Amino acid sequence: MSERQNLVDTLGLERIEVNLFRGTTPDNSPGRIFGGQVIAQSLLAAYETVEARVCHSLHCYFIRPGDPTVPIIFDVDRSRDGGSFTTRRVVAIQHGQQIFNLAASFMTEEEGFEHQAPMPEGPGPDDLPDEAEMQREALKTAPEAARKEAEKWMSRPRPIEMRSTDARSYFLDGPKEPVSQTWFRAKEPIGEDPHMHQVVMAYASDMNLLSTGMRPHKVHWQTPGFQSASLDHAMWFHRPTNFNEWHLYSQDSPSASGGRGFIRGSIYRRDGTLVASVAQEGLMRMRAPRPKGEG
């Protein structure tokens, strides 16, 4: 599989009935399906039933781990077609069970009041190293078992290019503040359809959120006994954008409690325009005590 995986092809759906679509996972190795893939394909399925309106918000729940070895069926419910708004509900199904559901609202474009929060200050993408390269460098000094597991994951295609002001790795050297700033963009051309730019940005919006919530607690994906998973995900699209260009993903985690972490994200164009906002709650649980000295 190409290192520069094209998400337009990867996320493509086959229509099998008026409101039923089939999608697949390109890397069908054992494990879980990346949550951003199911978000993006569900939004794309909803778009297949909507005309001349643009998604302004989506809200979704991750119900069961996805199986990357079998197709996903997306069942679209045409909840409402109103004068200004269209509402769709999408259920993703595998093995006869729901693994995910999404509700999305679409709106006729119109002019209105405008204001936005300013983009945080910091270095631009041209001044930062590639995050994947930094993680590969960090793995060189990681424990052997953890390094082999992480190398398997990192060998998969990475369709989103990322450059971080404080790159996370699997092996942190100490607790950090629950904030992060990462520049990201699609590696391969998306095309002229503005809907696909939303779909691909929705795919990327699931990246690094839980990592931001983990920072104060000195845990990571490979910490023995640590369990994490996305529980829900919400996204609001404020303005159209070209996701082949660099965008800043600014994240913060204001709360963790009860085995869950809450993370917020703001996505800015390079010129400082806020184009989307994200919120997610995820499972953050220690199932067993960590071995002494383990970070």
Protein backbone atom coordinates (compact mmCIF):
# COMPACT_ATOMS: atom_id res chain seq x y z
CA MET A 1 0.00 0.00 0.00
CA SER A 2 1.22 3.46 -0.85
CA GLU A 3 2.88 5.47 1.92
CA ARG A 4 0.97 8.45 0.54
CA GLN A 5 -2.50 6.99 0.83
CA ASN A 6 -5.16 9.04 -1.00
CA LEU A 7 -8.10 9.51 1.36
CA VAL A 8 -10.54 10.36 -1.44
CA ASP A 9 -10.11 6.79 -2.72
CA THR A 10 -9.81 5.22 0.74
CA LEU A 11 -13.05 6.70 2.05
CA GLY A 12 -15.07 6.04 -1.11
CA LEU A 13 -18.42 4.28 -0.72
CA GLU A 14 -20.41 1.84 -2.86
CA ARG A 15 -24.15 2.52 -3.04
CA ILE A 16 -26.01 -0.78 -2.55
CA GLU A 17 -29.55 0.63 -2.05
CA VAL A 18 -31.18 4.07 -1.96
CA ASN A 19 -30.04 4.76 1.61
CA LEU A 20 -27.47 1.97 2.09
CA PHE A 21 -23.73 2.23 1.40
CA ARG A 22 -20.74 -0.07 1.78
CA GLY A 23 -17.28 1.07 2.83
CA THR A 24 -14.04 -0.79 3.44
CA THR A 25 -10.85 -0.35 5.44
CA PRO A 26 -7.72 -0.31 3.25
CA ASP A 27 -5.35 -1.64 5.89
CA ASN A 28 -7.31 -4.75 6.87
CA SER A 29 -4.80 -6.02 9.42
CA PRO A 30 -6.16 -7.22 12.78
CA GLY A 31 -6.97 -4.51 15.29
CA ARG A 32 -9.42 -1.62 15.36
CA ILE A 33 -10.63 0.73 12.67
CA PHE A 34 -9.39 4.30 13.16
CA GLY A 35 -12.33 6.31 14.49
CA GLY A 36 -11.77 9.16 12.04
CA GLN A 37 -12.39 6.77 9.15
CA VAL A 38 -15.89 5.88 10.37
CA ILE A 39 -16.69 9.54 11.10
CA ALA A 40 -15.62 10.54 7.59
CA GLN A 41 -17.38 7.68 5.78
CA SER A 42 -20.60 8.30 7.75
CA LEU A 43 -20.51 11.99 6.81
CA LEU A 44 -19.87 11.03 3.19
CA ALA A 45 -22.84 8.62 3.25
CA ALA A 46 -25.05 11.40 4.62
CA TYR A 47 -23.84 13.75 1.87
CA GLU A 48 -24.91 11.17 -0.74
CA THR A 49 -28.52 11.87 0.31
CA VAL A 50 -28.30 15.68 0.58
CA GLU A 51 -28.47 18.22 -2.23
CA ALA A 52 -27.17 21.81 -2.29
CA ARG A 53 -26.57 22.10 1.46
CA VAL A 54 -23.41 22.04 3.57
CA CYS A 55 -22.82 20.25 6.86
CA HIS A 56 -22.51 22.66 9.77
CA SER A 57 -22.38 20.14 12.64
CA LEU A 58 -22.12 16.45 13.45
CA HIS A 59 -22.44 14.47 16.67
CA CYS A 60 -21.51 10.83 16.98
CA TYR A 61 -20.95 7.89 19.33
CA PHE A 62 -18.45 5.06 19.09
CA ILE A 63 -20.40 1.98 20.22
CA ARG A 64 -18.21 -1.04 19.43
CA PRO A 65 -14.67 -1.50 18.08
CA GLY A 66 -14.69 -1.73 14.28
CA ASP A 67 -13.39 -4.84 12.51
CA PRO A 68 -11.00 -3.76 9.71
CA THR A 69 -11.21 -7.17 8.00
CA VAL A 70 -14.84 -6.83 6.87
CA PRO A 71 -16.84 -4.08 5.09
CA ILE A 72 -18.94 -1.53 6.97
CA ILE A 73 -22.59 -0.95 6.03
CA PHE A 74 -23.81 2.64 6.41
CA ASP A 75 -27.59 3.01 6.80
CA VAL A 76 -28.79 6.61 6.28
CA ASP A 77 -32.06 7.79 7.82
CA ARG A 78 -33.43 10.88 6.05
CA SER A 79 -34.69 12.42 9.28
CA ARG A 80 -35.82 15.79 7.90
CA ASP A 81 -35.65 18.02 4.84
CA GLY A 82 -36.71 21.50 5.98
CA GLY A 83 -36.76 24.94 4.44
CA SER A 84 -33.25 25.83 5.65
CA PHE A 85 -31.93 22.71 7.38
CA THR A 86 -31.55 19.03 6.48
CA THR A 87 -30.96 16.39 9.15
CA ARG A 88 -29.52 12.92 8.64
CA ARG A 89 -28.76 10.02 10.95
CA VAL A 90 -26.25 7.38 9.90
CA VAL A 91 -25.76 3.99 11.55
CA ALA A 92 -22.58 2.02 10.80
CA ILE A 93 -23.06 -1.75 11.00
CA GLN A 94 -20.74 -4.77 11.12
CA HIS A 95 -21.58 -8.39 11.97
CA GLY A 96 -25.25 -7.37 12.34
CA GLN A 97 -24.50 -4.85 15.11
CA GLN A 98 -24.13 -1.08 15.35
CA ILE A 99 -20.51 -0.03 15.80
CA PHE A 100 -21.08 3.72 15.42
CA ASN A 101 -23.79 6.28 14.81
CA LEU A 102 -23.74 9.85 13.59
CA ALA A 103 -26.28 12.67 13.43
CA ALA A 104 -25.47 15.53 11.07
CA SER A 105 -27.21 18.78 10.18
CA PHE A 106 -26.87 20.53 6.82
CA MET A 107 -27.78 24.12 6.04
CA THR A 108 -28.34 26.39 3.08
CA GLU A 109 -25.41 28.83 2.99
CA GLU A 110 -26.28 32.36 4.08
CA GLU A 111 -24.68 35.58 5.32
CA GLY A 112 -24.89 36.57 9.00
CA PHE A 113 -23.10 37.94 12.07
CA GLU A 114 -19.40 37.06 12.32
CA HIS A 115 -16.81 36.87 15.08
CA GLN A 116 -14.19 34.32 16.15
CA ALA A 117 -11.56 33.58 18.75
CA PRO A 118 -8.01 34.47 17.64
CA MET A 119 -5.56 31.77 16.57
CA PRO A 120 -2.94 30.98 19.27
CA GLU A 121 0.54 32.30 18.63
CA GLY A 122 3.34 29.89 17.83
CA PRO A 123 5.73 28.67 15.12
CA GLY A 124 4.42 27.93 11.65
CA PRO A 125 4.64 24.54 9.91
CA ASP A 126 7.77 25.51 7.95
CA ASP A 127 9.65 25.89 11.25
CA LEU A 128 8.70 22.48 12.67
CA PRO A 129 9.86 18.88 12.03
CA ASP A 130 7.55 16.12 10.82
CA GLU A 131 5.86 14.46 13.80
CA ALA A 132 6.14 10.94 12.37
CA GLU A 133 9.92 11.35 12.03
CA MET A 134 10.16 12.58 15.62
CA GLN A 135 8.21 9.56 16.83
CA ARG A 136 10.45 7.19 14.87
CA GLU A 137 13.47 8.83 16.52
CA ALA A 138 11.91 8.43 19.98
CA LEU A 139 11.24 4.74 19.33
CA LYS A 140 14.97 4.05 18.98
CA THR A 141 15.36 4.31 22.77
CA ALA A 142 12.04 2.64 23.70
CA PRO A 143 11.75 -0.82 25.34
CA GLU A 144 11.97 -3.57 22.73
CA ALA A 145 8.46 -5.01 23.15
CA ALA A 146 6.82 -1.61 23.02
CA ARG A 147 9.01 -0.57 20.09
CA LYS A 148 7.96 -3.57 17.98
CA GLU A 149 4.27 -2.91 18.65
CA ALA A 150 4.58 0.81 17.87
CA GLU A 151 6.61 0.15 14.71
CA LYS A 152 3.79 -2.04 13.38
CA TRP A 153 1.34 0.84 13.78
CA MET A 154 3.74 3.41 12.37
CA SER A 155 4.44 1.31 9.27
CA ARG A 156 0.89 1.93 8.03
CA PRO A 157 0.21 4.66 5.47
CA ARG A 158 -0.05 8.15 6.97
CA PRO A 159 -2.37 10.17 4.72
CA ILE A 160 -2.29 13.21 7.03
CA GLU A 161 0.96 15.16 7.38
CA MET A 162 1.51 16.54 10.88
CA ARG A 163 4.02 18.93 12.43
CA SER A 164 3.80 19.61 16.14
CA THR A 165 5.11 22.39 18.36
CA ASP A 166 5.57 19.77 21.10
CA ALA A 167 5.50 16.39 19.38
CA ARG A 168 3.99 13.58 21.40
CA SER A 169 5.70 10.26 21.40
CA TYR A 170 4.77 6.94 22.91
CA PHE A 171 7.38 7.41 25.59
CA LEU A 172 7.03 10.70 27.46
CA ASP A 173 9.79 11.96 29.73
CA GLY A 174 7.36 13.37 32.30
CA PRO A 175 3.91 14.91 32.84
CA LYS A 176 2.97 17.78 30.52
CA GLU A 177 0.23 20.37 30.40
CA PRO A 178 -2.96 19.11 28.71
CA VAL A 179 -2.55 21.36 25.67
CA SER A 180 -1.10 20.84 22.19
CA GLN A 181 -0.71 22.61 18.88
CA THR A 182 -0.25 20.63 15.68
CA TRP A 183 -0.19 21.72 12.05
CA PHE A 184 -1.82 19.19 9.75
CA ARG A 185 -3.04 18.74 6.17
CA ALA A 186 -3.95 16.02 3.68
CA LYS A 187 -0.90 14.73 1.80
CA GLU A 188 -2.69 13.91 -1.45
CA PRO A 189 -4.95 16.21 -3.55
CA ILE A 190 -8.58 16.20 -2.43
CA GLY A 191 -10.05 17.90 -5.49
CA GLU A 192 -12.51 20.74 -6.03
CA ASP A 193 -15.54 19.37 -4.12
CA PRO A 194 -15.80 21.39 -0.85
CA HIS A 195 -17.78 18.55 0.74
CA MET A 196 -14.78 16.21 0.42
CA HIS A 197 -12.56 18.76 2.17
CA GLN A 198 -15.00 18.59 5.10
CA VAL A 199 -14.98 14.79 4.97
CA VAL A 200 -11.18 14.55 5.01
CA MET A 201 -10.90 17.17 7.76
CA ALA A 202 -13.45 15.15 9.78
CA TYR A 203 -11.18 12.11 9.32
CA ALA A 204 -8.18 14.06 10.64
CA SER A 205 -10.13 15.65 13.50
CA ASP A 206 -9.94 12.40 15.50
CA MET A 207 -6.13 12.57 15.61
CA ASN A 208 -4.19 13.19 18.84
CA LEU A 209 -7.20 14.25 20.93
CA LEU A 210 -6.87 11.56 23.59
CA SER A 211 -3.09 12.04 23.59
CA THR A 212 -3.65 15.61 24.76
CA GLY A 213 -5.78 14.38 27.65
CA MET A 214 -3.12 11.82 28.64
CA ARG A 215 -0.32 14.36 28.98
CA PRO A 216 -0.67 15.31 32.68
CA HIS A 217 -0.81 11.66 33.77
CA LYS A 218 2.40 10.34 32.23
CA VAL A 219 0.61 7.61 30.29
CA HIS A 220 0.60 6.77 26.59
CA TRP A 221 -0.83 4.17 24.21
CA GLN A 222 1.79 1.58 25.20
CA THR A 223 1.63 2.03 28.99
CA PRO A 224 0.96 -1.43 30.52
CA GLY A 225 -2.57 -1.63 31.92
CA PHE A 226 -3.73 1.61 30.31
CA GLN A 227 -6.97 1.45 28.33
CA SER A 228 -8.26 4.23 26.09
CA ALA A 229 -10.90 4.63 23.40
CA SER A 230 -12.93 7.43 21.85
CA LEU A 231 -16.48 7.48 23.26
CA ASP A 232 -18.10 10.34 21.39
CA HIS A 233 -17.12 13.07 18.96
CA ALA A 234 -18.68 16.36 17.90
CA MET A 235 -17.62 18.78 15.18
CA TRP A 236 -18.86 22.15 13.98
CA PHE A 237 -17.87 23.51 10.56
CA HIS A 238 -17.76 27.31 10.62
CA ARG A 239 -16.31 28.20 7.22
CA PRO A 240 -15.28 26.38 4.03
CA THR A 241 -11.59 25.62 3.62
CA ASN A 242 -8.99 23.83 1.51
CA PHE A 243 -7.60 21.00 3.61
CA ASN A 244 -4.70 20.46 1.25
CA GLU A 245 -3.29 23.60 2.88
CA TRP A 246 -1.77 23.71 6.37
CA HIS A 247 -4.18 24.12 9.31
CA LEU A 248 -3.39 24.54 13.00
CA TYR A 249 -5.14 22.08 15.34
CA SER A 250 -5.08 23.68 18.79
CA GLN A 251 -6.26 21.33 21.56
CA ASP A 252 -6.79 21.50 25.30
CA SER A 253 -8.22 19.10 27.88
CA PRO A 254 -10.00 21.01 30.68
CA SER A 255 -11.14 17.90 32.57
CA ALA A 256 -10.48 14.24 33.30
CA SER A 257 -12.60 12.33 35.82
CA GLY A 258 -14.49 9.08 36.30
CA GLY A 259 -12.28 7.16 33.89
CA ARG A 260 -12.92 9.66 31.07
CA GLY A 261 -11.05 12.58 29.57
CA PHE A 262 -12.61 15.57 27.78
CA ILE A 263 -10.75 17.36 24.97
CA ARG A 264 -11.57 20.44 22.88
CA GLY A 265 -10.05 21.39 19.54
CA SER A 266 -10.02 24.45 17.28
CA ILE A 267 -8.92 24.22 13.65
CA TYR A 268 -7.51 27.36 12.03
CA ARG A 269 -6.39 28.16 8.51
CA ARG A 270 -2.86 29.49 8.22
CA ASP A 271 -4.25 33.04 7.86
CA GLY A 272 -5.85 32.75 11.32
CA THR A 273 -9.41 31.98 10.20
CA LEU A 274 -11.24 29.57 12.52
CA VAL A 275 -12.81 26.95 10.23
CA ALA A 276 -13.98 24.22 12.65
CA SER A 277 -14.35 23.30 16.32
CA VAL A 278 -14.17 19.81 17.84
CA ALA A 279 -15.04 18.19 21.17
CA GLN A 280 -14.47 14.62 22.28
CA GLU A 281 -14.78 12.49 25.40
CA GLY A 282 -12.67 9.37 25.65
CA LEU A 283 -12.06 6.45 27.96
CA MET A 284 -8.87 6.85 30.05
CA ARG A 285 -8.58 3.96 32.47
CA MET A 286 -5.86 2.01 34.25
CA ARG A 287 -6.95 -1.64 34.29
CA ALA A 288 -3.96 -2.77 36.35
CA PRO A 289 -1.20 -1.09 38.36
CA ARG A 290 1.76 0.06 36.28
CA PRO A 291 5.08 -1.66 36.93
CA LYS A 292 7.35 0.40 39.14
CA GLY A 293 9.26 3.04 37.20
CA GLU A 294 7.16 2.62 34.03
CA GLY A 295 6.36 5.95 32.31
